[in-house]
Protein backbone atom coordinates (compact mmCIF):
# COMPACT_ATOMS: atom_id res chain seq x y z
CA MET A 1 93.06 66.44 225.10
CA LYS A 2 92.62 68.98 222.30
CA PRO A 3 92.69 72.60 223.52
CA ARG A 4 89.19 74.10 223.61
CA PHE A 5 89.99 76.97 221.26
CA GLN A 6 92.55 75.46 218.92
CA ASP A 7 93.07 77.85 215.97
CA GLN A 8 90.04 79.98 216.85
CA VAL A 9 90.47 83.73 216.58
CA VAL A 10 89.63 85.63 219.76
CA LEU A 11 89.49 89.43 220.00
CA ILE A 12 89.89 90.89 223.49
CA SER A 13 89.66 94.56 224.44
CA GLY A 14 91.30 95.95 227.55
CA ALA A 15 93.78 93.12 227.14
CA ALA A 16 96.87 94.68 228.74
CA GLN A 17 96.05 94.16 232.41
CA GLY A 18 93.64 92.68 234.92
CA ILE A 19 90.79 90.56 233.60
CA GLY A 20 91.71 91.20 229.98
CA LEU A 21 95.28 89.99 230.40
CA ALA A 22 94.19 86.95 232.41
CA SER A 23 91.71 86.11 229.65
CA ALA A 24 94.30 86.55 226.91
CA ARG A 25 96.68 84.23 228.72
CA LEU A 26 93.96 81.60 229.27
CA PHE A 27 92.82 81.61 225.65
CA ALA A 28 96.45 81.54 224.50
CA ALA A 29 97.07 78.44 226.61
CA GLU A 30 93.94 76.90 225.10
CA GLY A 31 95.21 77.22 221.53
CA ALA A 32 93.55 80.44 220.38
CA ARG A 33 94.97 83.01 218.00
CA LEU A 34 94.61 86.43 219.58
CA ALA A 35 93.81 89.96 218.47
CA LEU A 36 94.39 92.25 221.44
CA LEU A 37 93.30 95.85 221.95
CA ASP A 38 94.22 98.32 224.68
CA MET A 39 94.85 102.04 225.14
CA ASN A 40 98.19 101.45 226.89
CA ALA A 41 100.62 100.66 224.08
CA SER A 42 103.57 99.66 226.28
CA ALA A 43 101.49 97.40 228.52
CA LEU A 44 99.88 95.92 225.41
CA SER A 45 103.30 95.02 224.03
CA GLU A 46 104.07 93.17 227.26
CA ALA A 47 100.73 91.33 227.07
CA VAL A 48 101.51 90.27 223.51
CA ALA A 49 104.89 88.93 224.62
CA GLN A 50 103.31 86.95 227.47
CA CYS A 51 100.78 85.34 225.14
CA GLN A 52 103.41 84.56 222.54
CA SER A 53 105.46 82.85 225.24
CA LEU A 54 102.49 80.53 225.69
CA GLY A 55 102.64 79.61 222.01
CA ALA A 56 99.90 81.86 220.67
CA ALA A 57 99.93 83.79 217.43
CA VAL A 58 99.08 87.38 218.35
CA ILE A 59 98.33 90.67 216.65
CA SER A 60 97.50 93.87 218.51
CA GLN A 61 96.12 97.37 218.14
CA ALA A 62 96.67 100.27 220.53
CA GLY A 63 93.82 102.75 220.85
CA SER A 64 90.50 103.59 222.43
CA VAL A 65 87.53 101.25 222.11
CA ALA A 66 85.34 104.35 221.84
CA GLU A 67 86.82 105.05 218.40
CA ARG A 68 85.37 102.89 215.65
CA PRO A 69 88.41 103.15 213.32
CA VAL A 70 90.51 101.47 216.03
CA TRP A 71 88.18 98.47 216.01
CA ASP A 72 87.96 98.41 212.22
CA ALA A 73 91.75 98.32 211.93
CA LEU A 74 92.09 95.39 214.33
CA VAL A 75 89.25 93.43 212.73
CA ALA A 76 90.68 94.01 209.25
CA ALA A 77 94.11 92.84 210.44
CA ALA A 78 92.64 89.70 212.02
CA LEU A 79 90.69 88.84 208.88
CA ALA A 80 93.72 89.47 206.68
CA GLN A 81 95.87 87.29 208.92
CA TRP A 82 93.47 84.44 209.68
CA GLY A 83 90.29 84.92 207.67
CA ARG A 84 87.93 84.48 210.58
CA ILE A 85 86.76 85.85 213.92
CA ASP A 86 85.27 83.37 216.35
CA VAL A 87 85.01 85.19 219.69
CA LEU A 88 84.83 88.80 220.80
CA ILE A 89 85.37 89.67 224.46
CA ASN A 90 84.29 93.26 225.09
CA ASN A 91 86.27 93.67 228.29
CA ALA A 92 87.66 97.23 228.32
CA GLY A 93 86.34 99.49 231.04
CA ILE A 94 87.13 102.51 233.20
CA THR A 95 85.74 104.22 236.30
CA ARG A 96 85.34 107.91 237.05
CA ASP A 97 83.54 107.81 240.38
CA ALA A 98 81.71 110.68 242.07
CA ARG A 99 78.48 111.20 243.93
CA PHE A 100 75.60 112.03 241.61
CA GLU A 101 75.35 115.67 242.64
CA LYS A 102 79.10 116.13 242.13
CA MET A 103 79.52 114.13 238.93
CA SER A 104 80.64 116.20 235.96
CA GLU A 105 79.41 115.76 232.44
CA ALA A 106 82.95 114.83 231.44
CA GLN A 107 83.06 112.05 234.05
CA PHE A 108 79.74 110.71 232.85
CA ASP A 109 80.60 110.89 229.16
CA SER A 110 84.03 109.27 229.48
CA VAL A 111 82.63 106.18 231.20
CA ILE A 112 79.73 105.88 228.77
CA ASP A 113 82.13 106.23 225.83
CA ILE A 114 84.43 103.41 226.94
CA ASN A 115 82.10 101.08 228.84
CA LEU A 116 79.02 101.31 226.62
CA ARG A 117 79.82 102.90 223.28
CA GLY A 118 82.99 100.79 223.06
CA VAL A 119 80.95 97.60 223.45
CA PHE A 120 78.62 98.74 220.67
CA HIS A 121 81.54 99.47 218.34
CA GLY A 122 83.26 96.17 219.07
CA ALA A 123 80.21 94.05 218.37
CA GLN A 124 79.33 95.92 215.18
CA ALA A 125 82.91 95.66 213.96
CA VAL A 126 82.95 91.85 214.10
CA LEU A 127 79.34 91.31 213.04
CA ALA A 128 79.84 91.00 209.28
CA ALA A 129 82.56 88.36 209.65
CA MET A 130 80.51 86.33 212.14
CA THR A 131 77.36 86.61 210.02
CA THR A 132 79.19 85.41 206.93
CA ALA A 133 80.58 82.45 208.89
CA GLY A 134 77.17 81.67 210.38
CA ARG A 135 78.66 81.40 213.83
CA GLY A 136 80.38 83.40 216.53
CA VAL A 137 80.38 84.36 220.19
CA ILE A 138 80.14 87.88 221.61
CA LEU A 139 80.86 88.27 225.33
CA ASN A 140 80.22 91.59 227.04
CA THR A 141 81.51 92.66 230.43
CA SER A 142 78.80 94.04 232.68
CA SER A 143 79.04 94.21 236.49
CA VAL A 144 77.05 93.54 239.64
CA VAL A 145 76.89 97.34 239.73
CA GLY A 146 74.83 97.20 236.53
CA LEU A 147 72.43 94.83 238.25
CA HIS A 148 72.14 96.52 241.64
CA GLY A 149 73.70 100.00 241.44
CA ASN A 150 76.47 101.33 243.64
CA TYR A 151 77.14 104.50 245.60
CA GLY A 152 79.16 107.03 243.63
CA GLN A 153 78.89 105.16 240.33
CA THR A 154 75.96 106.62 238.41
CA ASN A 155 77.97 106.60 235.19
CA TYR A 156 79.39 103.10 235.68
CA ALA A 157 76.03 101.61 236.70
CA ALA A 158 74.31 103.21 233.73
CA ALA A 159 76.91 101.86 231.31
CA LYS A 160 76.91 98.35 232.77
CA ALA A 161 73.11 98.19 232.86
CA GLY A 162 73.15 99.32 229.25
CA VAL A 163 75.53 96.49 228.40
CA ILE A 164 72.98 94.02 229.77
CA GLY A 165 70.25 95.56 227.65
CA MET A 166 72.37 95.39 224.51
CA THR A 167 73.40 91.82 225.28
CA LYS A 168 69.83 90.59 225.52
CA THR A 169 68.77 92.52 222.43
CA TRP A 170 71.65 91.19 220.36
CA ALA A 171 71.00 87.64 221.57
CA ARG A 172 67.48 87.92 220.12
CA GLU A 173 68.59 89.54 216.87
CA LEU A 174 71.72 87.50 216.21
CA GLY A 175 70.71 84.05 217.44
CA PRO A 176 69.13 83.17 214.06
CA LYS A 177 72.48 84.06 212.46
CA GLY A 178 74.28 81.50 214.64
CA ILE A 179 75.83 84.10 216.94
CA ARG A 180 75.57 83.68 220.71
CA VAL A 181 75.73 86.78 222.92
CA ASN A 182 76.18 86.70 226.69
CA ALA A 183 77.37 88.97 229.48
CA VAL A 184 79.49 88.37 232.55
CA ALA A 185 78.80 90.44 235.66
CA PRO A 186 81.89 90.40 237.89
CA GLY A 187 81.75 91.35 241.52
CA PHE A 188 84.72 92.96 243.22
CA ILE A 189 87.82 91.63 241.48
CA ALA A 190 91.45 92.20 242.49
CA THR A 191 92.58 94.29 239.53
CA PRO A 192 94.40 97.61 239.08
CA MET A 193 90.95 99.23 238.96
CA THR A 194 90.10 98.07 242.49
CA ALA A 195 93.63 98.51 243.85
CA ALA A 196 92.85 102.17 244.48
CA ILE A 197 90.14 101.27 247.00
CA PRO A 198 91.28 102.15 250.56
CA PRO A 199 92.23 99.04 252.60
CA GLN A 200 89.47 99.56 255.15
CA VAL A 201 86.87 99.76 252.38
CA SER A 202 88.30 96.66 250.71
CA GLU A 203 88.00 94.77 254.00
CA MET A 204 84.35 95.81 254.27
CA LEU A 205 83.71 94.55 250.75
CA VAL A 206 85.27 91.18 251.50
CA GLU A 207 83.04 90.85 254.55
CA ARG A 208 80.01 91.10 252.25
CA VAL A 209 81.19 88.23 250.03
CA PRO A 210 80.00 84.78 251.18
CA LEU A 211 83.12 83.15 249.74
CA GLY A 212 85.24 85.50 251.86
CA ARG A 213 87.61 86.94 249.28
CA LEU A 214 87.88 89.29 246.35
CA GLY A 215 87.67 87.58 243.00
CA GLN A 216 90.77 87.07 240.89
CA PRO A 217 91.02 88.01 237.21
CA GLU A 218 91.34 84.33 236.41
CA ASP A 219 87.88 83.71 237.90
CA ILE A 220 86.36 85.95 235.24
CA ALA A 221 88.60 84.57 232.50
CA GLN A 222 87.29 81.09 233.26
CA ALA A 223 83.72 82.37 232.94
CA TYR A 224 84.54 83.85 229.54
CA ALA A 225 86.14 80.57 228.46
CA TYR A 226 83.06 78.58 229.46
CA LEU A 227 80.68 80.90 227.62
CA ALA A 228 82.90 80.91 224.53
CA SER A 229 83.19 77.12 224.46
CA GLU A 230 81.00 74.42 222.99
CA ALA A 231 80.00 73.54 226.55
CA ALA A 232 77.80 76.66 226.38
CA ALA A 233 76.45 75.98 222.88
CA TYR A 234 72.83 76.43 224.06
CA VAL A 235 73.50 79.47 226.24
CA THR A 236 72.66 82.92 224.90
CA GLY A 237 71.14 86.10 226.27
CA THR A 238 72.26 85.32 229.81
CA VAL A 239 74.08 87.38 232.43
CA LEU A 240 76.49 85.21 234.40
CA GLU A 241 77.24 86.79 237.77
CA VAL A 242 80.70 85.90 239.04
CA SER A 243 80.83 87.61 242.41
CA GLY A 244 81.40 85.04 245.14
CA GLY A 245 77.74 85.40 246.07
CA LEU A 246 78.04 89.14 246.74
CA SER A 247 74.52 90.07 245.70
CA MET A 248 72.61 87.31 247.49
């Protein structure tokens, strides 16, 4: 069977660990050519090596998604190398948690910069190439927190709710150009971001999940792969919750 993404060019931000790395590995195994972006240069180099070991052609760019020149450099390199961009996965994200009354302006701004502004920059950076091709897929990472809120995460909830708003707006604007735009809303996933949660809190979270476990990065990667594939050719403007039933 032909790999689902044979020779397609897939850009992934936050690709050095967690969901981003799992996604890069999955798309690599499915025949994609990868352009990877992450702030952590050493971890990014390891991610590149892992994907190359799976047979993928890979280029990378170290830097912050909040800085447009970083995106422009990676997009330019991908177009110079392969002449096309098929899929963008806006996956990079951070947390800076605090109760609302204690949250600093710096905590708020840093999360908005990465989790919301970075998504804006990524989508705009690939838009010209996708418009010229008359096709493309943009996938944005939201969260169940963006749908329902969460204690101590005013900044994160605001950013992830904003991602949903942008996703639906872009789906309307870009659909006529042949570009599909969707969001994935993960629940609690076993990543370095959630590893800092105290064990007793983690146990309480698992008790709230009908499927009885934290999600794995591969669970979200599979959702991305579905939405990027031809199996989802008539799916746009949707928010796919992948949470084990957490918010029921």
